[in-house]
Amino acid sequence: MSATRKAGPAPLFLGIEGGGTRTVALLADAAGRLIQRSEAGPGNVRLLSDAQLLRLLRSFQRAMARPSAVALGMAGTVTPQDRERIRAAASKVWPGTPCSATHDLETALAAAELQAGGDFGSESSARRESPIDDRQSPIGHQPSAIGHLQSR
């Protein structure tokens, strides 16, 4: 007799892109289908206090189902300390949930490369040292991709 395993809830993934004027959060399932979209105020990490950053993230926590993982791309994220500050705030809002933190241009570049049929994690992408540095990025600095992400 084989043991039956009870299936857990389907994994959900939360992507948050914080910009100078608004922050957009998209909750998607493992197939990439959009489950929910939510917006809040500005998300430039350099202009938010720790309390404001927590408030911003908690607004998404209240509005959306609990994610299996969170990825945040926020304007103003430049240093490893900025990324750690974002991850620390996210860990308070979604304890025990894996979290990735970067700047908003990184998320835009990933979307632009994927839309062009590339693989953001490919070997050609691996040479990208800093997405802000046009000389290292295979697709260059493309701020127009930010609008593409937020219009979805």
C-alpha atoms as a PDB file:
ATOM      1  CA  MET A   1       0.000   0.000   0.000  1.00  0.00           C
ATOM      2  CA  SER A   2       1.434   3.372  -0.940  1.00  0.00           C
ATOM      3  CA  ALA A   3       1.116   6.366   1.293  1.00  0.00           C
ATOM      4  CA  THR A   4      -0.862   9.246  -0.119  1.00  0.00           C
ATOM      5  CA  ARG A   5       0.628  12.641   0.301  1.00  0.00           C
ATOM      6  CA  LYS A   6      -1.668  15.572   0.823  1.00  0.00           C
ATOM      7  CA  ALA A   7      -0.843  18.331  -1.615  1.00  0.00           C
ATOM      8  CA  GLY A   8      -0.031  21.658  -0.048  1.00  0.00           C
ATOM      9  CA  PRO A   9      -1.165  24.971  -1.420  1.00  0.00           C
ATOM     10  CA  ALA A  10       0.156  25.864  -4.854  1.00  0.00           C
ATOM     11  CA  PRO A  11       3.228  28.103  -4.643  1.00  0.00           C
ATOM     12  CA  LEU A  12       2.703  31.804  -5.229  1.00  0.00           C
ATOM     13  CA  PHE A  13       5.437  34.264  -6.081  1.00  0.00           C
ATOM     14  CA  LEU A  14       5.390  37.961  -5.237  1.00  0.00           C
ATOM     15  CA  GLY A  15       7.324  40.481  -7.308  1.00  0.00           C
ATOM     16  CA  ILE A  16       7.520  44.058  -6.052  1.00  0.00           C
ATOM     17  CA  GLU A  17       8.960  46.940  -8.062  1.00  0.00           C
ATOM     18  CA  GLY A  18       9.364  50.198  -6.174  1.00  0.00           C
ATOM     19  CA  GLY A  19       9.903  53.400  -8.087  1.00  0.00           C
ATOM     20  CA  GLY A  20      10.027  57.080  -7.361  1.00  0.00           C
ATOM     21  CA  THR A  21       6.278  57.623  -7.787  1.00  0.00           C
ATOM     22  CA  ARG A  22       4.643  54.244  -7.132  1.00  0.00           C
ATOM     23  CA  THR A  23       5.265  50.660  -6.160  1.00  0.00           C
ATOM     24  CA  VAL A  24       3.639  47.795  -8.041  1.00  0.00           C
ATOM     25  CA  ALA A  25       3.268  44.267  -6.660  1.00  0.00           C
ATOM     26  CA  LEU A  26       2.345  41.271  -8.807  1.00  0.00           C
ATOM     27  CA  LEU A  27       1.389  37.905  -7.325  1.00  0.00           C
ATOM     28  CA  ALA A  28       1.760  35.006  -9.763  1.00  0.00           C
ATOM     29  CA  ASP A  29       1.449  31.242  -9.661  1.00  0.00           C
ATOM     30  CA  ALA A  30       4.161  28.772 -10.699  1.00  0.00           C
ATOM     31  CA  ALA A  31       2.945  28.890 -14.318  1.00  0.00           C
ATOM     32  CA  GLY A  32       3.457  32.653 -14.386  1.00  0.00           C
ATOM     33  CA  ARG A  33      -0.250  33.489 -14.400  1.00  0.00           C
ATOM     34  CA  LEU A  34      -1.055  36.789 -12.749  1.00  0.00           C
ATOM     35  CA  ILE A  35      -3.169  36.165  -9.656  1.00  0.00           C
ATOM     36  CA  GLN A  36      -3.302  39.667  -8.237  1.00  0.00           C
ATOM     37  CA  ARG A  37      -1.905  43.163  -8.802  1.00  0.00           C
ATOM     38  CA  SER A  38      -1.652  45.905  -6.212  1.00  0.00           C
ATOM     39  CA  GLU A  39      -0.196  49.406  -6.108  1.00  0.00           C
ATOM     40  CA  ALA A  40       1.038  51.646  -3.332  1.00  0.00           C
ATOM     41  CA  GLY A  41       3.047  54.825  -2.975  1.00  0.00           C
ATOM     42  CA  PRO A  42       6.707  55.522  -3.771  1.00  0.00           C
ATOM     43  CA  GLY A  43       9.289  52.818  -3.153  1.00  0.00           C
ATOM     44  CA  ASN A  44      12.697  54.484  -3.416  1.00  0.00           C
ATOM     45  CA  VAL A  45      14.649  52.827  -0.616  1.00  0.00           C
ATOM     46  CA  ARG A  46      16.917  55.873  -0.221  1.00  0.00           C
ATOM     47  CA  LEU A  47      13.924  58.099   0.508  1.00  0.00           C
ATOM     48  CA  LEU A  48      12.086  55.758   2.902  1.00  0.00           C
ATOM     49  CA  SER A  49      12.788  55.386   6.593  1.00  0.00           C
ATOM     50  CA  ASP A  50      12.799  51.848   7.987  1.00  0.00           C
ATOM     51  CA  ALA A  51       9.284  52.425   9.360  1.00  0.00           C
ATOM     52  CA  GLN A  52       8.037  53.678   5.964  1.00  0.00           C
ATOM     53  CA  LEU A  53       9.594  50.703   4.177  1.00  0.00           C
ATOM     54  CA  LEU A  54       7.865  48.310   6.586  1.00  0.00           C
ATOM     55  CA  ARG A  55       4.551  50.129   6.113  1.00  0.00           C
ATOM     56  CA  LEU A  56       4.884  49.859   2.333  1.00  0.00           C
ATOM     57  CA  LEU A  57       5.601  46.132   2.438  1.00  0.00           C
ATOM     58  CA  ARG A  58       2.851  45.499   4.989  1.00  0.00           C
ATOM     59  CA  SER A  59       0.337  47.160   2.669  1.00  0.00           C
ATOM     60  CA  PHE A  60       1.063  44.361   0.179  1.00  0.00           C
ATOM     61  CA  GLN A  61       1.009  41.722   2.906  1.00  0.00           C
ATOM     62  CA  ARG A  62      -2.521  42.791   3.860  1.00  0.00           C
ATOM     63  CA  ALA A  63      -3.704  42.963   0.252  1.00  0.00           C
ATOM     64  CA  MET A  64      -2.341  39.655  -1.055  1.00  0.00           C
ATOM     65  CA  ALA A  65      -2.110  35.951  -0.258  1.00  0.00           C
ATOM     66  CA  ARG A  66       1.051  34.737   1.475  1.00  0.00           C
ATOM     67  CA  PRO A  67       3.778  34.150  -1.129  1.00  0.00           C
ATOM     68  CA  SER A  68       6.204  31.225  -1.294  1.00  0.00           C
ATOM     69  CA  ALA A  69       8.990  33.643  -2.286  1.00  0.00           C
ATOM     70  CA  VAL A  70       9.396  37.400  -2.707  1.00  0.00           C
ATOM     71  CA  ALA A  71      11.553  39.362  -5.156  1.00  0.00           C
ATOM     72  CA  LEU A  72      11.891  43.111  -4.697  1.00  0.00           C
ATOM     73  CA  GLY A  73      13.406  45.617  -7.111  1.00  0.00           C
ATOM     74  CA  MET A  74      13.474  49.052  -5.534  1.00  0.00           C
ATOM     75  CA  ALA A  75      14.735  52.382  -6.803  1.00  0.00           C
ATOM     76  CA  GLY A  76      17.704  53.710  -4.871  1.00  0.00           C
ATOM     77  CA  THR A  77      19.137  50.270  -4.159  1.00  0.00           C
ATOM     78  CA  VAL A  78      22.840  50.634  -4.807  1.00  0.00           C
ATOM     79  CA  THR A  79      24.890  48.992  -2.072  1.00  0.00           C
ATOM     80  CA  PRO A  80      24.868  45.587  -0.413  1.00  0.00           C
ATOM     81  CA  GLN A  81      23.645  47.404   2.709  1.00  0.00           C
ATOM     82  CA  ASP A  82      20.606  48.663   0.758  1.00  0.00           C
ATOM     83  CA  ARG A  83      19.789  45.119  -0.351  1.00  0.00           C
ATOM     84  CA  GLU A  84      20.213  43.796   3.188  1.00  0.00           C
ATOM     85  CA  ARG A  85      17.935  46.544   4.538  1.00  0.00           C
ATOM     86  CA  ILE A  86      15.206  45.522   2.078  1.00  0.00           C
ATOM     87  CA  ARG A  87      15.631  41.824   2.904  1.00  0.00           C
ATOM     88  CA  ALA A  88      15.505  42.575   6.640  1.00  0.00           C
ATOM     89  CA  ALA A  89      12.245  44.498   6.232  1.00  0.00           C
ATOM     90  CA  ALA A  90      10.770  41.753   4.046  1.00  0.00           C
ATOM     91  CA  SER A  91      11.732  39.107   6.614  1.00  0.00           C
ATOM     92  CA  LYS A  92       9.722  40.987   9.240  1.00  0.00           C
ATOM     93  CA  VAL A  93       6.694  41.115   6.945  1.00  0.00           C
ATOM     94  CA  TRP A  94       6.997  37.573   5.512  1.00  0.00           C
ATOM     95  CA  PRO A  95       9.030  35.612   8.106  1.00  0.00           C
ATOM     96  CA  GLY A  96      10.638  32.448   6.789  1.00  0.00           C
ATOM     97  CA  THR A  97       9.917  33.363   3.153  1.00  0.00           C
ATOM     98  CA  PRO A  98      12.880  33.424   0.737  1.00  0.00           C
ATOM     99  CA  CYS A  99      13.540  36.958  -0.478  1.00  0.00           C
ATOM    100  CA  SER A 100      15.661  38.499  -3.196  1.00  0.00           C
ATOM    101  CA  ALA A 101      16.360  42.230  -3.233  1.00  0.00           C
ATOM    102  CA  THR A 102      17.842  44.358  -5.997  1.00  0.00           C
ATOM    103  CA  HIS A 103      17.242  47.712  -7.708  1.00  0.00           C
ATOM    104  CA  ASP A 104      14.299  48.415  -9.977  1.00  0.00           C
ATOM    105  CA  LEU A 105      16.431  48.616 -13.129  1.00  0.00           C
ATOM    106  CA  GLU A 106      17.484  44.981 -12.634  1.00  0.00           C
ATOM    107  CA  THR A 107      13.847  43.865 -12.780  1.00  0.00           C
ATOM    108  CA  ALA A 108      13.253  45.982 -15.871  1.00  0.00           C
ATOM    109  CA  LEU A 109      16.290  44.516 -17.620  1.00  0.00           C
ATOM    110  CA  ALA A 110      15.154  40.994 -16.783  1.00  0.00           C
ATOM    111  CA  ALA A 111      11.722  41.671 -18.250  1.00  0.00           C
ATOM    112  CA  ALA A 112      13.179  43.252 -21.386  1.00  0.00           C
ATOM    113  CA  GLU A 113      15.558  40.342 -21.961  1.00  0.00           C
ATOM    114  CA  LEU A 114      12.843  37.746 -21.389  1.00  0.00           C
ATOM    115  CA  GLN A 115      10.476  39.608 -23.721  1.00  0.00           C
ATOM    116  CA  ALA A 116      13.192  39.573 -26.391  1.00  0.00           C
ATOM    117  CA  GLY A 117      13.348  35.781 -26.113  1.00  0.00           C
ATOM    118  CA  GLY A 118      16.480  35.655 -23.993  1.00  0.00           C
ATOM    119  CA  ASP A 119      17.087  33.931 -20.715  1.00  0.00           C
ATOM    120  CA  PHE A 120      18.007  36.395 -17.988  1.00  0.00           C
ATOM    121  CA  GLY A 121      20.030  33.701 -16.217  1.00  0.00           C
ATOM    122  CA  SER A 122      21.910  32.683 -19.357  1.00  0.00           C
ATOM    123  CA  GLU A 123      25.659  32.768 -19.863  1.00  0.00           C
ATOM    124  CA  SER A 124      25.364  35.997 -21.870  1.00  0.00           C
ATOM    125  CA  SER A 125      23.587  37.568 -18.930  1.00  0.00           C
ATOM    126  CA  ALA A 126      26.211  36.294 -16.504  1.00  0.00           C
ATOM    127  CA  ARG A 127      28.710  38.828 -17.855  1.00  0.00           C
ATOM    128  CA  ARG A 128      26.512  41.632 -16.575  1.00  0.00           C
ATOM    129  CA  GLU A 129      28.414  43.082 -13.620  1.00  0.00           C
ATOM    130  CA  SER A 130      26.024  45.924 -12.984  1.00  0.00           C
ATOM    131  CA  PRO A 131      22.816  46.493 -14.928  1.00  0.00           C
ATOM    132  CA  ILE A 132      23.301  50.227 -14.437  1.00  0.00           C
ATOM    133  CA  ASP A 133      26.577  50.071 -16.378  1.00  0.00           C
ATOM    134  CA  ASP A 134      25.644  50.005 -20.093  1.00  0.00           C
ATOM    135  CA  ARG A 135      29.061  48.612 -21.036  1.00  0.00           C
ATOM    136  CA  GLN A 136      28.453  45.405 -19.041  1.00  0.00           C
ATOM    137  CA  SER A 137      24.782  44.832 -19.820  1.00  0.00           C
ATOM    138  CA  PRO A 138      24.010  42.804 -22.957  1.00  0.00           C
ATOM    139  CA  ILE A 139      20.884  44.859 -23.567  1.00  0.00           C
ATOM    140  CA  GLY A 140      22.104  48.174 -22.192  1.00  0.00           C
ATOM    141  CA  HIS A 141      20.323  50.720 -20.053  1.00  0.00           C
ATOM    142  CA  GLN A 142      16.613  50.530 -20.936  1.00  0.00           C
ATOM    143  CA  PRO A 143      14.507  52.618 -18.582  1.00  0.00           C
ATOM    144  CA  SER A 144      11.561  52.220 -20.974  1.00  0.00           C
ATOM    145  CA  ALA A 145      11.294  48.602 -19.807  1.00  0.00           C
ATOM    146  CA  ILE A 146      10.160  49.877 -16.412  1.00  0.00           C
ATOM    147  CA  GLY A 147       6.967  51.179 -17.984  1.00  0.00           C
ATOM    148  CA  HIS A 148       6.454  47.784 -19.602  1.00  0.00           C
ATOM    149  CA  LEU A 149       6.577  46.044 -16.243  1.00  0.00           C
ATOM    150  CA  GLN A 150       4.170  48.447 -14.614  1.00  0.00           C
ATOM    151  CA  SER A 151       1.684  48.360 -17.494  1.00  0.00           C
ATOM    152  CA  ARG A 152       1.172  44.599 -17.222  1.00  0.00           C
END
